[in-house]
Amino acid sequence: MAELAQSDLPLKKRDEAVSPWKEAWRSFCKNKLALVGTCIVFLFIILAIFAPLIAPQGIDDKNLANRLQPPSSEHWLGTDDFGRDILSRIIYGARISLRVGFFAVLGSAIVGSLLGILAGYYGRWVDNLISRVFDILLAFPSILLALAIVAILGPSLRNALIAIAIINVPNFGRLIRSRVLSVKEEEYITAARAVGMKDRRILFQHILPNSMAPIIVQASLAIATAIIEAAALGFLGMGAQPPNPEWGKMLADSKNYLTQAPWTMIFPGIAIMLTVLGFNLMGDGLRDALDPKMKQ
């Protein structure tokens, strides 16, 4: 009996020793709204990846004889003012919106996290300098700052991506700075300094890994914001240029046909709404799973 009890003990300890990431994953899977949001996001990702196989037509296949046709068996979501299939353009437009969202947030997360880590860890004049840069960027409304940057660089999808990345840098920087200010006072960081560990190793092997949770949550929510900002720039003619089927540009091109052919605006708007909703639901689920304060 004693041998059986001893053999069961390691198994119990193994079950109890659940890593924080596994526990967060279990908590995330229990959130039904988060799973719905994740399914929506993966649906649009699949549409973007396999667009040439899924889309019934090309992005610029014009047929003026079929312009402004309502939804039918041939064109499920109708056609636009050039007779192009709206469903095909929405599917290809997912590529543009998701690419802008992912790469803009990736760039802002990398730059903002590096600046936030330096500001929080070294403090003093480094913190003052970086924090003032963040304050200056945050002093302007985000869309106006993005418009100013694109106006300087020139209207294009690449410049819109750069502008969106720049205006999101302070959000990541201030978040990571506050996290570093608390993490660097932990005992294991003090011990690492005591044994002579270099600052670079402390930053990238200890502080950064322990700050990943808020970065992941902020990134998932920032992608939704970036998609809206890209659509806004496209609507104003400062983002993707014709014939690129960017959703915001599709809304701008169809605004003159709102009463005559409302489906030309409704379906691109629904695509934007669903994508943003998916990322927001997924981000809320990640926040609830990764933030200890949100756990009961």
Protein backbone atom coordinates (compact mmCIF):
# COMPACT_ATOMS: atom_id res chain seq x y z
CA MET A 1 0.00 0.00 0.00
CA ALA A 2 2.86 2.34 0.83
CA GLU A 3 4.42 1.71 -2.57
CA LEU A 4 1.15 2.53 -4.30
CA ALA A 5 0.80 5.76 -2.34
CA GLN A 6 4.33 6.79 -3.29
CA SER A 7 3.74 5.99 -6.98
CA ASP A 8 0.57 8.09 -6.98
CA LEU A 9 2.27 11.12 -5.43
CA PRO A 10 4.28 12.19 -8.50
CA LEU A 11 1.16 11.93 -10.66
CA LYS A 12 -0.78 14.21 -8.34
CA LYS A 13 2.04 16.71 -8.28
CA ARG A 14 2.26 16.52 -12.06
CA ASP A 15 -1.45 17.26 -12.37
CA GLU A 16 -1.24 20.14 -9.93
CA ALA A 17 1.80 21.68 -11.65
CA VAL A 18 -0.09 23.21 -14.56
CA SER A 19 1.81 25.89 -16.45
CA PRO A 20 0.25 29.39 -16.54
CA TRP A 21 -0.11 29.19 -20.32
CA LYS A 22 -2.02 25.89 -20.15
CA GLU A 23 -4.25 27.32 -17.46
CA ALA A 24 -4.86 30.41 -19.61
CA TRP A 25 -5.71 28.20 -22.60
CA ARG A 26 -8.23 26.23 -20.54
CA SER A 27 -9.80 29.46 -19.32
CA PHE A 28 -9.93 30.79 -22.87
CA CYS A 29 -11.64 27.64 -24.16
CA LYS A 30 -14.35 28.02 -21.51
CA ASN A 31 -15.25 31.47 -22.85
CA LYS A 32 -17.88 30.86 -25.55
CA LEU A 33 -17.81 34.41 -26.89
CA ALA A 34 -14.02 34.25 -27.25
CA LEU A 35 -14.35 31.00 -29.20
CA VAL A 36 -16.95 32.60 -31.47
CA GLY A 37 -14.60 35.51 -32.11
CA THR A 38 -11.73 33.13 -32.82
CA CYS A 39 -13.87 31.21 -35.33
CA ILE A 40 -14.76 34.47 -37.10
CA VAL A 41 -11.10 35.50 -37.25
CA PHE A 42 -10.01 32.12 -38.61
CA LEU A 43 -12.81 32.22 -41.19
CA PHE A 44 -11.50 35.49 -42.62
CA ILE A 45 -7.92 34.21 -42.45
CA ILE A 46 -8.92 31.15 -44.49
CA LEU A 47 -10.74 33.37 -46.98
CA ALA A 48 -7.63 35.54 -47.32
CA ILE A 49 -5.24 32.61 -47.77
CA PHE A 50 -7.36 30.70 -50.26
CA ALA A 51 -8.91 33.71 -52.02
CA PRO A 52 -7.90 32.60 -55.54
CA LEU A 53 -9.61 29.25 -54.95
CA ILE A 54 -12.72 30.56 -53.20
CA ALA A 55 -13.50 33.78 -55.08
CA PRO A 56 -15.77 33.10 -58.08
CA GLN A 57 -14.20 35.93 -60.12
CA GLY A 58 -11.14 38.16 -60.22
CA ILE A 59 -10.87 41.44 -58.36
CA ASP A 60 -11.12 43.55 -61.52
CA ASP A 61 -13.28 41.48 -63.87
CA LYS A 62 -15.52 44.21 -65.27
CA ASN A 63 -18.82 43.68 -67.03
CA LEU A 64 -20.70 46.94 -67.52
CA ALA A 65 -23.75 45.05 -68.77
CA ASN A 66 -24.18 43.61 -65.26
CA ARG A 67 -23.42 46.77 -63.26
CA LEU A 68 -25.30 47.32 -59.99
CA GLN A 69 -27.04 43.96 -60.15
CA PRO A 70 -28.72 42.85 -56.88
CA PRO A 71 -27.72 39.61 -55.14
CA SER A 72 -28.58 36.57 -57.25
CA SER A 73 -27.53 32.98 -57.82
CA GLU A 74 -24.83 34.18 -60.21
CA HIS A 75 -23.56 37.01 -58.00
CA TRP A 76 -24.34 36.12 -54.39
CA LEU A 77 -23.68 39.62 -53.06
CA GLY A 78 -24.49 41.54 -56.24
CA THR A 79 -22.21 43.66 -58.42
CA ASP A 80 -20.76 47.16 -58.15
CA ASP A 81 -20.86 50.11 -60.55
CA PHE A 82 -18.34 48.42 -62.88
CA GLY A 83 -20.12 45.08 -62.87
CA ARG A 84 -17.50 43.45 -60.64
CA ASP A 85 -18.55 40.68 -58.30
CA ILE A 86 -18.77 42.09 -54.76
CA LEU A 87 -18.25 38.72 -53.05
CA SER A 88 -14.97 38.20 -54.90
CA ARG A 89 -13.75 41.68 -54.01
CA ILE A 90 -14.67 41.20 -50.35
CA ILE A 91 -12.79 37.89 -50.23
CA TYR A 92 -9.68 39.45 -51.79
CA GLY A 93 -10.17 42.52 -49.59
CA ALA A 94 -9.71 40.30 -46.53
CA ARG A 95 -6.11 39.85 -47.64
CA ILE A 96 -5.48 43.59 -47.61
CA SER A 97 -7.25 44.35 -44.33
CA LEU A 98 -5.70 41.46 -42.43
CA ARG A 99 -2.24 42.16 -43.84
CA VAL A 100 -2.46 45.79 -42.78
CA GLY A 101 -3.79 44.80 -39.36
CA PHE A 102 -1.19 42.12 -38.66
CA PHE A 103 1.91 43.89 -39.98
CA ALA A 104 1.00 47.32 -38.61
CA VAL A 105 0.42 45.87 -35.15
CA LEU A 106 3.54 43.71 -35.40
CA GLY A 107 5.67 46.75 -36.20
CA SER A 108 4.11 48.91 -33.49
CA ALA A 109 4.39 46.07 -30.95
CA ILE A 110 8.10 45.55 -31.65
CA VAL A 111 9.04 49.23 -31.61
CA GLY A 112 6.72 50.14 -28.75
CA SER A 113 7.83 47.19 -26.61
CA LEU A 114 11.52 47.98 -27.09
CA LEU A 115 11.01 51.64 -26.21
CA GLY A 116 8.79 50.75 -23.25
CA ILE A 117 11.34 48.26 -21.89
CA LEU A 118 14.17 50.80 -22.16
CA ALA A 119 12.07 53.53 -20.53
CA GLY A 120 10.88 51.34 -17.67
CA TYR A 121 14.19 49.62 -16.96
CA TYR A 122 16.67 52.51 -17.16
CA GLY A 123 14.40 55.34 -16.02
CA ARG A 124 15.76 58.87 -15.52
CA TRP A 125 16.47 60.80 -18.72
CA VAL A 126 15.81 57.77 -20.93
CA ASP A 127 12.34 57.39 -19.45
CA ASN A 128 11.66 61.14 -19.68
CA LEU A 129 12.72 61.30 -23.33
CA ILE A 130 10.74 58.28 -24.48
CA SER A 131 7.68 59.20 -22.40
CA ARG A 132 7.61 62.71 -23.89
CA VAL A 133 7.70 61.22 -27.40
CA PHE A 134 4.73 59.03 -26.46
CA ASP A 135 2.90 62.06 -25.03
CA ILE A 136 3.43 64.02 -28.24
CA LEU A 137 2.06 61.18 -30.38
CA LEU A 138 -0.92 60.71 -28.07
CA ALA A 139 -1.69 64.45 -28.10
CA PHE A 140 -3.07 64.14 -31.65
CA PRO A 141 -6.25 62.25 -32.57
CA SER A 142 -5.07 58.98 -34.09
CA ILE A 143 -6.88 59.30 -37.41
CA LEU A 144 -5.69 62.90 -37.90
CA LEU A 145 -2.10 61.89 -37.17
CA ALA A 146 -2.41 58.99 -39.60
CA LEU A 147 -3.79 61.33 -42.27
CA ALA A 148 -0.90 63.74 -41.71
CA ILE A 149 1.68 60.96 -42.04
CA VAL A 150 0.09 59.56 -45.22
CA ALA A 151 -0.21 63.08 -46.66
CA ILE A 152 3.54 63.52 -46.17
CA LEU A 153 4.51 60.08 -47.49
CA GLY A 154 1.88 59.92 -50.24
CA PRO A 155 -1.39 57.94 -50.54
CA SER A 156 -0.72 54.20 -50.79
CA LEU A 157 -1.41 51.02 -48.90
CA ARG A 158 2.22 50.74 -47.73
CA ASN A 159 2.25 54.27 -46.35
CA ALA A 160 -1.09 53.70 -44.65
CA LEU A 161 0.41 50.63 -42.96
CA ILE A 162 3.38 52.71 -41.77
CA ALA A 163 1.10 55.44 -40.44
CA ILE A 164 -1.07 52.96 -38.53
CA ALA A 165 2.02 51.35 -37.05
CA ILE A 166 3.37 54.72 -35.86
CA ILE A 167 0.17 55.85 -34.16
CA ASN A 168 -0.08 52.56 -32.23
CA VAL A 169 3.49 52.62 -30.89
CA PRO A 170 2.63 54.67 -27.74
CA ASN A 171 -0.11 52.22 -26.73
CA PHE A 172 2.35 49.34 -26.57
CA GLY A 173 5.15 51.46 -25.15
CA ARG A 174 3.22 52.79 -22.18
CA LEU A 175 1.73 49.38 -21.45
CA ILE A 176 5.11 47.64 -21.38
CA ARG A 177 6.74 50.49 -19.48
CA SER A 178 4.26 50.12 -16.62
CA ARG A 179 4.78 46.36 -16.65
CA VAL A 180 8.57 46.68 -16.55
CA LEU A 181 8.40 49.13 -13.64
CA SER A 182 6.77 46.43 -11.53
CA VAL A 183 8.71 43.41 -12.84
CA LYS A 184 12.18 44.94 -12.39
CA GLU A 185 11.57 45.21 -8.63
CA GLU A 186 11.02 41.46 -8.29
CA GLU A 187 13.52 39.45 -6.26
CA TYR A 188 14.74 37.32 -9.18
CA ILE A 189 15.70 40.48 -11.10
CA THR A 190 17.62 41.73 -8.08
CA ALA A 191 19.35 38.36 -7.82
CA ALA A 192 20.25 38.46 -11.53
CA ARG A 193 21.89 41.84 -11.06
CA ALA A 194 23.71 40.62 -7.96
CA VAL A 195 25.39 37.78 -9.85
CA GLY A 196 26.58 40.20 -12.54
CA MET A 197 24.13 39.36 -15.32
CA LYS A 198 24.21 41.89 -18.16
CA ASP A 199 21.27 44.24 -18.72
CA ARG A 200 20.59 42.86 -22.21
CA ARG A 201 20.22 39.34 -20.85
CA ILE A 202 17.99 40.52 -18.01
CA LEU A 203 15.77 42.45 -20.42
CA PHE A 204 15.31 39.75 -23.05
CA GLN A 205 15.48 36.59 -20.94
CA HIS A 206 13.61 37.66 -17.81
CA ILE A 207 11.66 40.90 -18.15
CA LEU A 208 10.34 40.53 -21.71
CA PRO A 209 9.04 36.93 -21.30
CA ASN A 210 7.20 37.99 -18.14
CA SER A 211 5.61 40.89 -20.02
CA MET A 212 4.26 38.88 -22.98
CA ALA A 213 0.73 38.45 -21.64
CA PRO A 214 -0.28 42.15 -21.86
CA ILE A 215 1.47 42.42 -25.24
CA ILE A 216 -0.61 39.55 -26.65
CA VAL A 217 -3.85 41.00 -25.34
CA GLN A 218 -3.08 44.49 -26.59
CA ALA A 219 -2.02 43.14 -30.00
CA SER A 220 -5.26 41.22 -30.51
CA LEU A 221 -7.32 44.31 -29.71
CA ALA A 222 -5.04 46.61 -31.71
CA ILE A 223 -5.54 44.55 -34.88
CA ALA A 224 -9.24 45.39 -34.79
CA THR A 225 -8.41 49.08 -34.38
CA ALA A 226 -5.86 48.91 -37.19
CA ILE A 227 -8.44 47.39 -39.57
CA ILE A 228 -10.86 50.24 -38.80
CA GLU A 229 -8.13 52.83 -39.29
CA ALA A 230 -7.10 51.25 -42.60
CA ALA A 231 -10.72 51.29 -43.73
CA ALA A 232 -11.02 54.95 -42.69
CA LEU A 233 -7.90 55.91 -44.65
CA GLY A 234 -9.15 53.91 -47.63
CA PHE A 235 -12.54 55.63 -47.44
CA LEU A 236 -10.82 59.03 -47.51
CA GLY A 237 -8.70 58.01 -50.50
CA MET A 238 -5.44 57.95 -48.53
CA GLY A 239 -5.03 54.18 -48.28
CA ALA A 240 -5.24 51.45 -50.89
CA GLN A 241 -5.62 52.76 -54.43
CA PRO A 242 -7.77 51.32 -57.26
CA PRO A 243 -8.24 48.60 -58.33
CA ASN A 244 -7.26 47.12 -54.93
CA PRO A 245 -10.45 45.79 -53.27
CA GLU A 246 -9.83 47.32 -49.84
CA TRP A 247 -13.05 47.40 -47.81
CA GLY A 248 -12.88 51.09 -46.92
CA LYS A 249 -12.21 51.99 -50.55
CA MET A 250 -15.17 49.83 -51.60
CA LEU A 251 -17.38 51.85 -49.25
CA ALA A 252 -16.10 55.12 -50.72
CA ASP A 253 -16.68 53.95 -54.30
CA SER A 254 -20.25 52.88 -53.57
CA LYS A 255 -21.43 55.82 -51.44
CA ASN A 256 -23.07 57.46 -54.47
CA TYR A 257 -25.23 54.38 -55.01
CA LEU A 258 -26.55 53.99 -51.46
CA THR A 259 -30.21 54.42 -52.44
CA GLN A 260 -29.94 52.82 -55.87
CA ALA A 261 -27.82 49.79 -54.89
CA PRO A 262 -27.48 49.61 -51.09
CA TRP A 263 -25.84 46.16 -51.21
CA THR A 264 -22.67 47.76 -52.60
CA MET A 265 -22.12 49.40 -49.18
CA ILE A 266 -23.88 46.97 -46.86
CA PHE A 267 -21.75 43.91 -47.54
CA PRO A 268 -18.30 45.57 -47.27
CA GLY A 269 -19.54 47.22 -44.07
CA ILE A 270 -20.64 43.86 -42.69
CA ALA A 271 -17.21 42.41 -43.53
CA ILE A 272 -15.51 45.17 -41.54
CA MET A 273 -17.94 44.77 -38.66
CA LEU A 274 -17.53 40.98 -38.43
CA THR A 275 -13.73 41.11 -38.60
CA VAL A 276 -13.48 43.79 -35.93
CA LEU A 277 -16.05 41.98 -33.79
CA GLY A 278 -14.08 38.73 -34.07
CA PHE A 279 -10.81 40.32 -32.96
CA ASN A 280 -12.52 42.20 -30.13
CA LEU A 281 -14.20 39.06 -28.78
CA MET A 282 -10.96 37.12 -29.06
CA GLY A 283 -9.03 39.94 -27.38
CA ASP A 284 -11.51 40.12 -24.52
CA GLY A 285 -11.17 36.38 -24.04
CA LEU A 286 -7.39 36.60 -24.00
CA ARG A 287 -7.55 39.42 -21.46
CA ASP A 288 -9.82 37.41 -19.19
CA ALA A 289 -7.57 34.35 -19.50
CA LEU A 290 -4.18 36.05 -19.14
CA ASP A 291 -4.93 38.83 -16.64
CA PRO A 292 -4.88 37.44 -13.06
CA LYS A 293 -7.06 40.34 -11.90
CA MET A 294 -9.88 39.15 -14.14
CA LYS A 295 -9.88 35.65 -12.69
CA GLN A 296 -12.26 34.84 -9.89
